[in-house]
């Protein structure tokens, strides 16, 4: 089975790109192969307020030709941008069944930048996803929220972590006053980083990542250690060097960094919202509180062993299996 993923997100460091890259190999175990239609090769322009993301100028015919050249037996649409809409039109025009994913809370992201009513944005997204046989959501609470907002055919597709790379270890990657409170991710307004950076906490605060808000935040918070983007073993060592992982976002649908932190033996401090609620659940591997400072301090009392144990529930093999199963179910409907 050749599954072609149509995605506007590519060539960036974010959860959307990472998820598909990580399941590309394990899906083979379940009889599938992934191909990708991305903005590469299309004319594009930077996304307003976020130049690191480029929007492609792609027609349904152009995207369709790429899908056909890849020999698709199924189309999965990962994003609701120009590539996604073009792939959707291609499938609808040919009465082809397809699946989609809900990765990003675009309504909340747009509202963080513009005075756009949430109702309008969600109506736009409902229209986009309505023809899909399955809409894959990363957590139970996100699935339930989408269903409350009128989305149909929502199914669960979780994420995984590389337990060999992200693990507890002895390291001095962060030679800073302790305790060390760490955040890893895109440095952008929707991540709500000020809620973390404004806290009166002992020790040190560290931000790993890049994005449009980095320069302004570095100026405003000179005592915070901004390390830029890190990858691979270097990132894993930073995770293992910290004492607590702080996740102030209220808009992430999952947060792969949460399970990377847990796998590294790093307890989580976060708000009790979608993403942290599902990842931490009742494991005791993190502290979820509307008072983020209180959550940070509570997290320091959680053992690294408890954090690591919770991470073992998330694997990329299981994520790949779920993805292929949902595609298979959609294809069975097409045959029926």
C-alpha atoms as a PDB file:
ATOM      1  CA  UNK A   1       0.000   0.000   0.000  1.00  0.00           C
ATOM      2  CA  UNK A   2       1.482   3.349  -1.056  1.00  0.00           C
ATOM      3  CA  UNK A   3       0.218   6.173   1.151  1.00  0.00           C
ATOM      4  CA  UNK A   4       0.964   9.616  -0.242  1.00  0.00           C
ATOM      5  CA  UNK A   5       1.012  12.332   2.417  1.00  0.00           C
ATOM      6  CA  UNK A   6       0.168  15.833   1.179  1.00  0.00           C
ATOM      7  CA  UNK A   7       1.649  18.410   3.542  1.00  0.00           C
ATOM      8  CA  UNK A   8       2.348  22.143   3.602  1.00  0.00           C
ATOM      9  CA  UNK A   9       4.779  21.615   6.473  1.00  0.00           C
ATOM     10  CA  UNK A  10       8.204  20.442   5.319  1.00  0.00           C
ATOM     11  CA  UNK A  11      11.789  21.501   5.774  1.00  0.00           C
ATOM     12  CA  UNK A  12      10.957  22.914   9.215  1.00  0.00           C
ATOM     13  CA  UNK A  13      11.478  21.835  12.788  1.00  0.00           C
ATOM     14  CA  UNK A  14       7.989  21.107  14.066  1.00  0.00           C
ATOM     15  CA  UNK A  15       5.808  18.265  15.262  1.00  0.00           C
ATOM     16  CA  UNK A  16       3.998  17.782  11.951  1.00  0.00           C
ATOM     17  CA  UNK A  17       7.154  17.167   9.940  1.00  0.00           C
ATOM     18  CA  UNK A  18       8.724  15.104  12.712  1.00  0.00           C
ATOM     19  CA  UNK A  19       5.750  12.733  13.080  1.00  0.00           C
ATOM     20  CA  UNK A  20       5.687  11.708   9.422  1.00  0.00           C
ATOM     21  CA  UNK A  21       9.448  11.401   9.207  1.00  0.00           C
ATOM     22  CA  UNK A  22       9.500   9.110  12.246  1.00  0.00           C
ATOM     23  CA  UNK A  23       6.762   6.725  11.059  1.00  0.00           C
ATOM     24  CA  UNK A  24       8.121   6.505   7.487  1.00  0.00           C
ATOM     25  CA  UNK A  25      10.250   3.467   8.347  1.00  0.00           C
ATOM     26  CA  UNK A  26       8.057   1.550  10.847  1.00  0.00           C
ATOM     27  CA  UNK A  27       4.969   1.679   8.566  1.00  0.00           C
ATOM     28  CA  UNK A  28       6.804  -0.812   6.308  1.00  0.00           C
ATOM     29  CA  UNK A  29       6.380  -3.449   9.004  1.00  0.00           C
ATOM     30  CA  UNK A  30       2.625  -3.093   8.476  1.00  0.00           C
ATOM     31  CA  UNK A  31       2.673  -3.375   4.707  1.00  0.00           C
ATOM     32  CA  UNK A  32       2.744   0.310   3.816  1.00  0.00           C
ATOM     33  CA  UNK A  33       5.102   2.833   2.263  1.00  0.00           C
ATOM     34  CA  UNK A  34       4.954   6.622   2.524  1.00  0.00           C
ATOM     35  CA  UNK A  35       5.470   9.149  -0.254  1.00  0.00           C
ATOM     36  CA  UNK A  36       5.233  12.910   0.155  1.00  0.00           C
ATOM     37  CA  UNK A  37       3.854  15.849  -1.773  1.00  0.00           C
ATOM     38  CA  UNK A  38       5.372  18.954  -0.180  1.00  0.00           C
ATOM     39  CA  UNK A  39       5.959  22.607  -1.124  1.00  0.00           C
ATOM     40  CA  UNK A  40       9.348  21.639  -2.590  1.00  0.00           C
ATOM     41  CA  UNK A  41       9.405  22.441  -6.299  1.00  0.00           C
ATOM     42  CA  UNK A  42       6.417  24.802  -6.194  1.00  0.00           C
ATOM     43  CA  UNK A  43       6.569  28.584  -6.236  1.00  0.00           C
ATOM     44  CA  UNK A  44       6.030  29.813  -2.699  1.00  0.00           C
ATOM     45  CA  UNK A  45       5.871  32.855  -0.449  1.00  0.00           C
ATOM     46  CA  UNK A  46       6.618  33.296   3.276  1.00  0.00           C
ATOM     47  CA  UNK A  47       3.713  33.027   5.676  1.00  0.00           C
ATOM     48  CA  UNK A  48       2.874  36.488   7.072  1.00  0.00           C
ATOM     49  CA  UNK A  49       4.255  36.920  10.633  1.00  0.00           C
ATOM     50  CA  UNK A  50       6.167  33.605  10.255  1.00  0.00           C
ATOM     51  CA  UNK A  51       8.669  33.778   7.366  1.00  0.00           C
ATOM     52  CA  UNK A  52      10.205  30.429   8.275  1.00  0.00           C
ATOM     53  CA  UNK A  53       7.092  28.746   6.849  1.00  0.00           C
ATOM     54  CA  UNK A  54       6.460  29.095   3.117  1.00  0.00           C
ATOM     55  CA  UNK A  55       3.077  28.728   1.429  1.00  0.00           C
ATOM     56  CA  UNK A  56       3.136  27.009  -1.947  1.00  0.00           C
ATOM     57  CA  UNK A  57       1.234  28.136  -5.034  1.00  0.00           C
ATOM     58  CA  UNK A  58      -0.113  24.753  -6.143  1.00  0.00           C
ATOM     59  CA  UNK A  59      -3.171  23.782  -8.161  1.00  0.00           C
ATOM     60  CA  UNK A  60      -5.175  20.588  -7.735  1.00  0.00           C
ATOM     61  CA  UNK A  61      -3.945  19.430 -11.140  1.00  0.00           C
ATOM     62  CA  UNK A  62      -0.286  19.961 -10.219  1.00  0.00           C
ATOM     63  CA  UNK A  63      -0.632  18.232  -6.863  1.00  0.00           C
ATOM     64  CA  UNK A  64      -2.644  15.462  -8.502  1.00  0.00           C
ATOM     65  CA  UNK A  65       0.092  14.779 -11.018  1.00  0.00           C
ATOM     66  CA  UNK A  66       2.597  14.394  -8.199  1.00  0.00           C
ATOM     67  CA  UNK A  67       0.249  12.066  -6.325  1.00  0.00           C
ATOM     68  CA  UNK A  68      -0.152   9.931  -9.441  1.00  0.00           C
ATOM     69  CA  UNK A  69       3.584   9.848 -10.184  1.00  0.00           C
ATOM     70  CA  UNK A  70       4.165   8.505  -6.683  1.00  0.00           C
ATOM     71  CA  UNK A  71       1.756   5.636  -7.386  1.00  0.00           C
ATOM     72  CA  UNK A  72      -0.628   6.413  -4.551  1.00  0.00           C
ATOM     73  CA  UNK A  73      -3.119   3.826  -3.416  1.00  0.00           C
ATOM     74  CA  UNK A  74      -4.291   6.211  -0.687  1.00  0.00           C
ATOM     75  CA  UNK A  75      -4.001   9.948  -0.040  1.00  0.00           C
ATOM     76  CA  UNK A  76      -3.560  11.345   3.449  1.00  0.00           C
ATOM     77  CA  UNK A  77      -3.760  15.125   3.878  1.00  0.00           C
ATOM     78  CA  UNK A  78      -1.659  16.370   6.769  1.00  0.00           C
ATOM     79  CA  UNK A  79      -2.270  20.135   6.736  1.00  0.00           C
ATOM     80  CA  UNK A  80      -4.984  22.625   5.867  1.00  0.00           C
ATOM     81  CA  UNK A  81      -2.791  24.937   3.746  1.00  0.00           C
ATOM     82  CA  UNK A  82      -2.524  25.356  -0.048  1.00  0.00           C
ATOM     83  CA  UNK A  83      -1.034  21.892  -0.650  1.00  0.00           C
ATOM     84  CA  UNK A  84      -3.709  20.355   1.561  1.00  0.00           C
ATOM     85  CA  UNK A  85      -6.543  22.175  -0.195  1.00  0.00           C
ATOM     86  CA  UNK A  86      -5.182  21.233  -3.613  1.00  0.00           C
ATOM     87  CA  UNK A  87      -4.959  17.559  -2.606  1.00  0.00           C
ATOM     88  CA  UNK A  88      -8.470  17.739  -1.165  1.00  0.00           C
ATOM     89  CA  UNK A  89      -9.858  19.161  -4.427  1.00  0.00           C
ATOM     90  CA  UNK A  90      -8.060  16.486  -6.420  1.00  0.00           C
ATOM     91  CA  UNK A  91      -9.592  13.709  -4.284  1.00  0.00           C
ATOM     92  CA  UNK A  92     -13.100  15.195  -4.154  1.00  0.00           C
ATOM     93  CA  UNK A  93     -13.199  15.824  -7.914  1.00  0.00           C
ATOM     94  CA  UNK A  94     -12.345  12.155  -8.525  1.00  0.00           C
ATOM     95  CA  UNK A  95     -14.494  10.743  -5.710  1.00  0.00           C
ATOM     96  CA  UNK A  96     -11.387   9.320  -4.041  1.00  0.00           C
ATOM     97  CA  UNK A  97     -11.643   8.499  -0.354  1.00  0.00           C
ATOM     98  CA  UNK A  98      -8.933  10.096   1.769  1.00  0.00           C
ATOM     99  CA  UNK A  99      -7.923  10.726   5.382  1.00  0.00           C
ATOM    100  CA  UNK A 100      -6.735  13.885   7.135  1.00  0.00           C
ATOM    101  CA  UNK A 101      -4.959  14.854  10.346  1.00  0.00           C
ATOM    102  CA  UNK A 102      -5.617  17.609  12.854  1.00  0.00           C
ATOM    103  CA  UNK A 103      -2.155  18.626  14.023  1.00  0.00           C
ATOM    104  CA  UNK A 104      -2.388  22.309  14.835  1.00  0.00           C
ATOM    105  CA  UNK A 105      -4.861  24.569  16.608  1.00  0.00           C
ATOM    106  CA  UNK A 106      -4.885  27.071  13.778  1.00  0.00           C
ATOM    107  CA  UNK A 107      -7.902  28.990  15.166  1.00  0.00           C
ATOM    108  CA  UNK A 108      -6.031  29.731  18.392  1.00  0.00           C
ATOM    109  CA  UNK A 109      -2.791  30.455  16.505  1.00  0.00           C
ATOM    110  CA  UNK A 110      -4.576  32.921  14.225  1.00  0.00           C
ATOM    111  CA  UNK A 111      -6.310  34.585  17.178  1.00  0.00           C
ATOM    112  CA  UNK A 112      -2.928  35.052  18.878  1.00  0.00           C
ATOM    113  CA  UNK A 113      -1.924  37.243  15.939  1.00  0.00           C
ATOM    114  CA  UNK A 114      -5.181  38.670  14.567  1.00  0.00           C
ATOM    115  CA  UNK A 115      -8.632  39.511  16.004  1.00  0.00           C
ATOM    116  CA  UNK A 116     -10.267  36.571  14.205  1.00  0.00           C
ATOM    117  CA  UNK A 117     -13.295  34.919  15.896  1.00  0.00           C
ATOM    118  CA  UNK A 118     -12.660  31.283  16.785  1.00  0.00           C
ATOM    119  CA  UNK A 119     -16.048  30.307  15.355  1.00  0.00           C
ATOM    120  CA  UNK A 120     -15.068  31.432  11.865  1.00  0.00           C
ATOM    121  CA  UNK A 121     -11.776  29.560  11.940  1.00  0.00           C
ATOM    122  CA  UNK A 122     -13.338  26.346  13.195  1.00  0.00           C
ATOM    123  CA  UNK A 123     -16.053  26.566  10.525  1.00  0.00           C
ATOM    124  CA  UNK A 124     -13.284  26.790   7.930  1.00  0.00           C
ATOM    125  CA  UNK A 125     -11.572  23.717   9.370  1.00  0.00           C
ATOM    126  CA  UNK A 126     -14.808  21.710   9.636  1.00  0.00           C
ATOM    127  CA  UNK A 127     -15.396  22.347   5.942  1.00  0.00           C
ATOM    128  CA  UNK A 128     -11.875  21.237   5.106  1.00  0.00           C
ATOM    129  CA  UNK A 129     -12.069  17.956   7.027  1.00  0.00           C
ATOM    130  CA  UNK A 130     -15.733  17.110   6.333  1.00  0.00           C
ATOM    131  CA  UNK A 131     -15.152  14.818   3.295  1.00  0.00           C
ATOM    132  CA  UNK A 132     -12.423  12.786   5.039  1.00  0.00           C
ATOM    133  CA  UNK A 133     -13.101   9.168   5.978  1.00  0.00           C
ATOM    134  CA  UNK A 134     -10.999   9.645   9.108  1.00  0.00           C
ATOM    135  CA  UNK A 135      -9.733  12.779  10.851  1.00  0.00           C
ATOM    136  CA  UNK A 136      -6.739  11.712  12.924  1.00  0.00           C
ATOM    137  CA  UNK A 137      -6.305  13.508  16.262  1.00  0.00           C
ATOM    138  CA  UNK A 138      -3.243  13.024  18.498  1.00  0.00           C
ATOM    139  CA  UNK A 139      -4.978  12.653  21.883  1.00  0.00           C
ATOM    140  CA  UNK A 140      -8.271  11.499  23.367  1.00  0.00           C
ATOM    141  CA  UNK A 141      -9.036  14.982  24.711  1.00  0.00           C
ATOM    142  CA  UNK A 142      -8.326  16.561  21.296  1.00  0.00           C
ATOM    143  CA  UNK A 143     -10.584  13.982  19.656  1.00  0.00           C
ATOM    144  CA  UNK A 144     -13.369  14.783  22.110  1.00  0.00           C
ATOM    145  CA  UNK A 145     -12.944  18.520  21.613  1.00  0.00           C
ATOM    146  CA  UNK A 146     -13.140  18.208  17.828  1.00  0.00           C
ATOM    147  CA  UNK A 147     -16.279  16.102  18.157  1.00  0.00           C
ATOM    148  CA  UNK A 148     -17.844  18.754  20.402  1.00  0.00           C
ATOM    149  CA  UNK A 149     -17.036  21.318  17.709  1.00  0.00           C
ATOM    150  CA  UNK A 150     -18.888  19.321  15.075  1.00  0.00           C
ATOM    151  CA  UNK A 151     -16.069  17.347  13.402  1.00  0.00           C
ATOM    152  CA  UNK A 152     -17.061  13.859  12.214  1.00  0.00           C
ATOM    153  CA  UNK A 153     -15.147  10.575  11.895  1.00  0.00           C
ATOM    154  CA  UNK A 154     -12.418  11.602  14.375  1.00  0.00           C
ATOM    155  CA  UNK A 155      -9.971   8.836  15.315  1.00  0.00           C
ATOM    156  CA  UNK A 156      -6.959   8.612  17.625  1.00  0.00           C
ATOM    157  CA  UNK A 157      -3.398   8.632  16.256  1.00  0.00           C
ATOM    158  CA  UNK A 158      -0.796   8.986  19.028  1.00  0.00           C
ATOM    159  CA  UNK A 159       2.928   9.808  18.807  1.00  0.00           C
ATOM    160  CA  UNK A 160       6.120   8.122  19.933  1.00  0.00           C
ATOM    161  CA  UNK A 161       9.649   8.752  21.151  1.00  0.00           C
ATOM    162  CA  UNK A 162      13.126   7.337  20.485  1.00  0.00           C
ATOM    163  CA  UNK A 163      13.886   5.749  23.839  1.00  0.00           C
ATOM    164  CA  UNK A 164      17.461   4.902  22.870  1.00  0.00           C
ATOM    165  CA  UNK A 165      18.269   8.532  22.093  1.00  0.00           C
ATOM    166  CA  UNK A 166      16.248  10.205  24.835  1.00  0.00           C
ATOM    167  CA  UNK A 167      17.211   8.543  28.103  1.00  0.00           C
ATOM    168  CA  UNK A 168      18.499   9.438  31.558  1.00  0.00           C
ATOM    169  CA  UNK A 169      22.288   9.827  31.563  1.00  0.00           C
ATOM    170  CA  UNK A 170      25.122  11.502  33.409  1.00  0.00           C
ATOM    171  CA  UNK A 171      25.918  14.701  31.526  1.00  0.00           C
ATOM    172  CA  UNK A 172      27.144  18.219  32.149  1.00  0.00           C
ATOM    173  CA  UNK A 173      25.629  19.737  29.009  1.00  0.00           C
ATOM    174  CA  UNK A 174      24.047  22.479  31.133  1.00  0.00           C
ATOM    175  CA  UNK A 175      26.589  23.853  33.592  1.00  0.00           C
ATOM    176  CA  UNK A 176      24.205  26.321  35.243  1.00  0.00           C
ATOM    177  CA  UNK A 177      22.845  27.075  38.713  1.00  0.00           C
ATOM    178  CA  UNK A 178      20.235  24.546  39.736  1.00  0.00           C
ATOM    179  CA  UNK A 179      17.432  23.743  39.552  1.00  0.00           C
ATOM    180  CA  UNK A 180      17.359  24.043  35.752  1.00  0.00           C
ATOM    181  CA  UNK A 181      13.934  24.593  34.185  1.00  0.00           C
ATOM    182  CA  UNK A 182      13.922  23.739  30.481  1.00  0.00           C
ATOM    183  CA  UNK A 183      11.628  24.450  27.549  1.00  0.00           C
ATOM    184  CA  UNK A 184      12.193  23.053  24.043  1.00  0.00           C
ATOM    185  CA  UNK A 185      10.203  24.063  20.987  1.00  0.00           C
ATOM    186  CA  UNK A 186       9.305  26.772  18.517  1.00  0.00           C
ATOM    187  CA  UNK A 187       9.848  30.250  19.931  1.00  0.00           C
ATOM    188  CA  UNK A 188       6.609  31.873  18.833  1.00  0.00           C
ATOM    189  CA  UNK A 189       3.719  33.773  20.352  1.00  0.00           C
ATOM    190  CA  UNK A 190       1.340  30.780  20.399  1.00  0.00           C
ATOM    191  CA  UNK A 191       3.710  28.869  22.698  1.00  0.00           C
ATOM    192  CA  UNK A 192       2.913  31.252  25.577  1.00  0.00           C
ATOM    193  CA  UNK A 193       6.557  31.341  26.692  1.00  0.00           C
ATOM    194  CA  UNK A 194       6.130  34.546  28.679  1.00  0.00           C
ATOM    195  CA  UNK A 195       3.999  32.572  31.162  1.00  0.00           C
ATOM    196  CA  UNK A 196       7.158  30.592  31.943  1.00  0.00           C
ATOM    197  CA  UNK A 197       9.727  33.355  31.594  1.00  0.00           C
ATOM    198  CA  UNK A 198       7.820  35.713  33.922  1.00  0.00           C
ATOM    199  CA  UNK A 199       7.852  33.195  36.783  1.00  0.00           C
ATOM    200  CA  UNK A 200       9.896  33.838  39.908  1.00  0.00           C
ATOM    201  CA  UNK A 201      11.802  30.552  40.084  1.00  0.00           C
ATOM    202  CA  UNK A 202      15.070  29.496  41.709  1.00  0.00           C
ATOM    203  CA  UNK A 203      18.020  28.398  39.583  1.00  0.00           C
ATOM    204  CA  UNK A 204      18.088  28.826  35.792  1.00  0.00           C
ATOM    205  CA  UNK A 205      15.689  28.970  32.854  1.00  0.00           C
ATOM    206  CA  UNK A 206      16.737  27.530  29.490  1.00  0.00           C
ATOM    207  CA  UNK A 207      15.016  27.851  26.115  1.00  0.00           C
ATOM    208  CA  UNK A 208      16.024  25.548  23.252  1.00  0.00           C
ATOM    209  CA  UNK A 209      14.586  26.385  19.846  1.00  0.00           C
ATOM    210  CA  UNK A 210      14.143  29.175  17.358  1.00  0.00           C
ATOM    211  CA  UNK A 211      11.301  31.160  15.884  1.00  0.00           C
ATOM    212  CA  UNK A 212       9.924  34.622  15.159  1.00  0.00           C
ATOM    213  CA  UNK A 213       9.703  35.654  18.837  1.00  0.00           C
ATOM    214  CA  UNK A 214      13.234  34.679  19.838  1.00  0.00           C
ATOM    215  CA  UNK A 215      14.957  38.039  19.296  1.00  0.00           C
ATOM    216  CA  UNK A 216      12.356  40.031  21.211  1.00  0.00           C
ATOM    217  CA  UNK A 217      12.242  37.546  24.087  1.00  0.00           C
ATOM    218  CA  UNK A 218      16.032  37.535  24.404  1.00  0.00           C
ATOM    219  CA  UNK A 219      15.972  41.307  24.756  1.00  0.00           C
ATOM    220  CA  UNK A 220      13.190  41.223  27.333  1.00  0.00           C
ATOM    221  CA  UNK A 221      14.632  38.346  29.386  1.00  0.00           C
ATOM    222  CA  UNK A 222      18.426  38.774  29.482  1.00  0.00           C
ATOM    223  CA  UNK A 223      18.816  36.341  32.398  1.00  0.00           C
ATOM    224  CA  UNK A 224      17.284  33.454  30.438  1.00  0.00           C
ATOM    225  CA  UNK A 225      19.626  31.148  28.504  1.00  0.00           C
ATOM    226  CA  UNK A 226      18.518  30.946  24.839  1.00  0.00           C
ATOM    227  CA  UNK A 227      20.484  28.149  23.171  1.00  0.00           C
ATOM    228  CA  UNK A 228      18.902  28.132  19.706  1.00  0.00           C
ATOM    229  CA  UNK A 229      17.973  24.935  17.876  1.00  0.00           C
ATOM    230  CA  UNK A 230      19.541  21.662  18.970  1.00  0.00           C
ATOM    231  CA  UNK A 231      19.174  18.203  17.476  1.00  0.00           C
ATOM    232  CA  UNK A 232      20.045  14.568  18.043  1.00  0.00           C
ATOM    233  CA  UNK A 233      22.466  13.615  20.802  1.00  0.00           C
ATOM    234  CA  UNK A 234      23.122  17.256  21.675  1.00  0.00           C
ATOM    235  CA  UNK A 235      19.438  17.855  22.350  1.00  0.00           C
ATOM    236  CA  UNK A 236      19.124  14.588  24.277  1.00  0.00           C
ATOM    237  CA  UNK A 237      21.985  15.601  26.568  1.00  0.00           C
ATOM    238  CA  UNK A 238      20.316  18.931  27.289  1.00  0.00           C
ATOM    239  CA  UNK A 239      17.076  17.166  28.231  1.00  0.00           C
ATOM    240  CA  UNK A 240      18.971  14.837  30.556  1.00  0.00           C
ATOM    241  CA  UNK A 241      20.850  17.758  32.147  1.00  0.00           C
ATOM    242  CA  UNK A 242      17.771  19.699  33.298  1.00  0.00           C
ATOM    243  CA  UNK A 243      15.674  19.221  36.421  1.00  0.00           C
ATOM    244  CA  UNK A 244      12.162  19.965  35.130  1.00  0.00           C
ATOM    245  CA  UNK A 245      10.570  20.483  31.734  1.00  0.00           C
ATOM    246  CA  UNK A 246       8.212  23.456  31.583  1.00  0.00           C
ATOM    247  CA  UNK A 247       5.493  23.428  28.910  1.00  0.00           C
ATOM    248  CA  UNK A 248       3.471  26.662  29.088  1.00  0.00           C
ATOM    249  CA  UNK A 249       1.591  26.190  25.813  1.00  0.00           C
ATOM    250  CA  UNK A 250      -2.191  26.093  25.957  1.00  0.00           C
ATOM    251  CA  UNK A 251      -2.633  25.458  22.231  1.00  0.00           C
ATOM    252  CA  UNK A 252      -0.526  22.408  21.318  1.00  0.00           C
ATOM    253  CA  UNK A 253      -2.508  19.353  20.290  1.00  0.00           C
ATOM    254  CA  UNK A 254       0.116  16.948  21.660  1.00  0.00           C
ATOM    255  CA  UNK A 255       3.683  18.110  22.199  1.00  0.00           C
ATOM    256  CA  UNK A 256       6.223  15.436  21.226  1.00  0.00           C
ATOM    257  CA  UNK A 257       8.748  17.290  23.390  1.00  0.00           C
ATOM    258  CA  UNK A 258       6.724  16.214  26.421  1.00  0.00           C
ATOM    259  CA  UNK A 259       7.495  12.545  25.871  1.00  0.00           C
ATOM    260  CA  UNK A 260      11.077  13.322  24.869  1.00  0.00           C
ATOM    261  CA  UNK A 261      11.433  15.013  28.242  1.00  0.00           C
ATOM    262  CA  UNK A 262       9.829  12.097  30.087  1.00  0.00           C
ATOM    263  CA  UNK A 263      12.010   9.576  28.251  1.00  0.00           C
ATOM    264  CA  UNK A 264      15.034  11.576  29.425  1.00  0.00           C
ATOM    265  CA  UNK A 265      13.836  11.220  33.018  1.00  0.00           C
ATOM    266  CA  UNK A 266      12.618  14.816  33.141  1.00  0.00           C
ATOM    267  CA  UNK A 267       9.349  15.511  35.018  1.00  0.00           C
ATOM    268  CA  UNK A 268       6.909  17.892  33.322  1.00  0.00           C
ATOM    269  CA  UNK A 269       5.321  21.094  34.618  1.00  0.00           C
ATOM    270  CA  UNK A 270       2.384  22.344  32.557  1.00  0.00           C
ATOM    271  CA  UNK A 271      -1.143  23.679  32.538  1.00  0.00           C
ATOM    272  CA  UNK A 272      -3.929  21.055  32.722  1.00  0.00           C
ATOM    273  CA  UNK A 273      -4.846  21.334  29.032  1.00  0.00           C
ATOM    274  CA  UNK A 274      -4.983  19.126  25.934  1.00  0.00           C
ATOM    275  CA  UNK A 275      -1.581  17.556  25.368  1.00  0.00           C
ATOM    276  CA  UNK A 276      -0.188  17.541  28.912  1.00  0.00           C
ATOM    277  CA  UNK A 277      -3.409  16.040  30.286  1.00  0.00           C
ATOM    278  CA  UNK A 278      -3.184  13.115  27.868  1.00  0.00           C
ATOM    279  CA  UNK A 279       0.572  12.591  28.063  1.00  0.00           C
ATOM    280  CA  UNK A 280       0.799  12.756  31.862  1.00  0.00           C
ATOM    281  CA  UNK A 281      -2.655  11.261  32.581  1.00  0.00           C
ATOM    282  CA  UNK A 282      -2.647   9.713  36.077  1.00  0.00           C
ATOM    283  CA  UNK A 283       0.989   8.580  35.896  1.00  0.00           C
ATOM    284  CA  UNK A 284       2.352  11.072  38.427  1.00  0.00           C
ATOM    285  CA  UNK A 285       5.163  11.879  35.952  1.00  0.00           C
ATOM    286  CA  UNK A 286       4.327  15.565  35.901  1.00  0.00           C
ATOM    287  CA  UNK A 287       2.649  18.389  37.784  1.00  0.00           C
ATOM    288  CA  UNK A 288      -0.321  20.034  36.041  1.00  0.00           C
ATOM    289  CA  UNK A 289      -1.653  23.187  37.645  1.00  0.00           C
ATOM    290  CA  UNK A 290      -3.218  26.474  36.590  1.00  0.00           C
ATOM    291  CA  UNK A 291      -0.559  28.013  38.819  1.00  0.00           C
ATOM    292  CA  UNK A 292       2.440  27.256  36.603  1.00  0.00           C
ATOM    293  CA  UNK A 293       4.967  28.281  39.251  1.00  0.00           C
ATOM    294  CA  UNK A 294       3.457  25.810  41.687  1.00  0.00           C
ATOM    295  CA  UNK A 295       3.596  23.125  38.989  1.00  0.00           C
ATOM    296  CA  UNK A 296       7.297  23.876  38.362  1.00  0.00           C
ATOM    297  CA  UNK A 297       8.186  23.510  42.016  1.00  0.00           C
ATOM    298  CA  UNK A 298       6.113  20.342  42.398  1.00  0.00           C
ATOM    299  CA  UNK A 299       7.836  18.794  39.386  1.00  0.00           C
ATOM    300  CA  UNK A 300      11.172  18.998  41.206  1.00  0.00           C
ATOM    301  CA  UNK A 301       9.900  16.399  43.688  1.00  0.00           C
ATOM    302  CA  UNK A 302       9.010  13.826  41.001  1.00  0.00           C
ATOM    303  CA  UNK A 303      11.534  11.043  40.434  1.00  0.00           C
ATOM    304  CA  UNK A 304      13.311  10.641  37.118  1.00  0.00           C
ATOM    305  CA  UNK A 305      12.386   6.951  37.205  1.00  0.00           C
ATOM    306  CA  UNK A 306       8.675   7.775  37.271  1.00  0.00           C
ATOM    307  CA  UNK A 307       9.076  10.146  34.332  1.00  0.00           C
ATOM    308  CA  UNK A 308      10.977   7.559  32.282  1.00  0.00           C
ATOM    309  CA  UNK A 309       8.429   4.845  33.068  1.00  0.00           C
ATOM    310  CA  UNK A 310       5.562   6.936  31.718  1.00  0.00           C
ATOM    311  CA  UNK A 311       7.379   7.561  28.427  1.00  0.00           C
ATOM    312  CA  UNK A 312       7.491   3.817  27.712  1.00  0.00           C
ATOM    313  CA  UNK A 313       3.776   3.939  26.822  1.00  0.00           C
ATOM    314  CA  UNK A 314       4.636   5.906  23.644  1.00  0.00           C
ATOM    315  CA  UNK A 315       6.485   4.280  20.740  1.00  0.00           C
ATOM    316  CA  UNK A 316       6.814   5.154  17.055  1.00  0.00           C
ATOM    317  CA  UNK A 317       6.000   1.554  16.153  1.00  0.00           C
ATOM    318  CA  UNK A 318       2.589   1.849  17.808  1.00  0.00           C
ATOM    319  CA  UNK A 319       2.078   5.234  16.180  1.00  0.00           C
ATOM    320  CA  UNK A 320       2.834   3.716  12.763  1.00  0.00           C
ATOM    321  CA  UNK A 321       0.475   0.798  13.399  1.00  0.00           C
ATOM    322  CA  UNK A 322      -2.396   3.126  14.291  1.00  0.00           C
ATOM    323  CA  UNK A 323      -1.775   5.256  11.198  1.00  0.00           C
ATOM    324  CA  UNK A 324      -1.800   2.268   8.835  1.00  0.00           C
ATOM    325  CA  UNK A 325      -4.877   0.793  10.537  1.00  0.00           C
ATOM    326  CA  UNK A 326      -6.857   4.011  10.010  1.00  0.00           C
ATOM    327  CA  UNK A 327      -5.830   4.195   6.368  1.00  0.00           C
ATOM    328  CA  UNK A 328      -6.776   0.536   5.923  1.00  0.00           C
ATOM    329  CA  UNK A 329     -10.198   1.146   7.459  1.00  0.00           C
ATOM    330  CA  UNK A 330     -10.780   4.066   5.072  1.00  0.00           C
ATOM    331  CA  UNK A 331      -9.794   1.898   2.105  1.00  0.00           C
ATOM    332  CA  UNK A 332     -12.198  -0.825   3.206  1.00  0.00           C
ATOM    333  CA  UNK A 333     -14.983   1.751   3.185  1.00  0.00           C
ATOM    334  CA  UNK A 334     -13.979   2.713  -0.355  1.00  0.00           C
ATOM    335  CA  UNK A 335     -14.281  -0.925  -1.483  1.00  0.00           C
ATOM    336  CA  UNK A 336     -17.631  -1.327   0.294  1.00  0.00           C
END
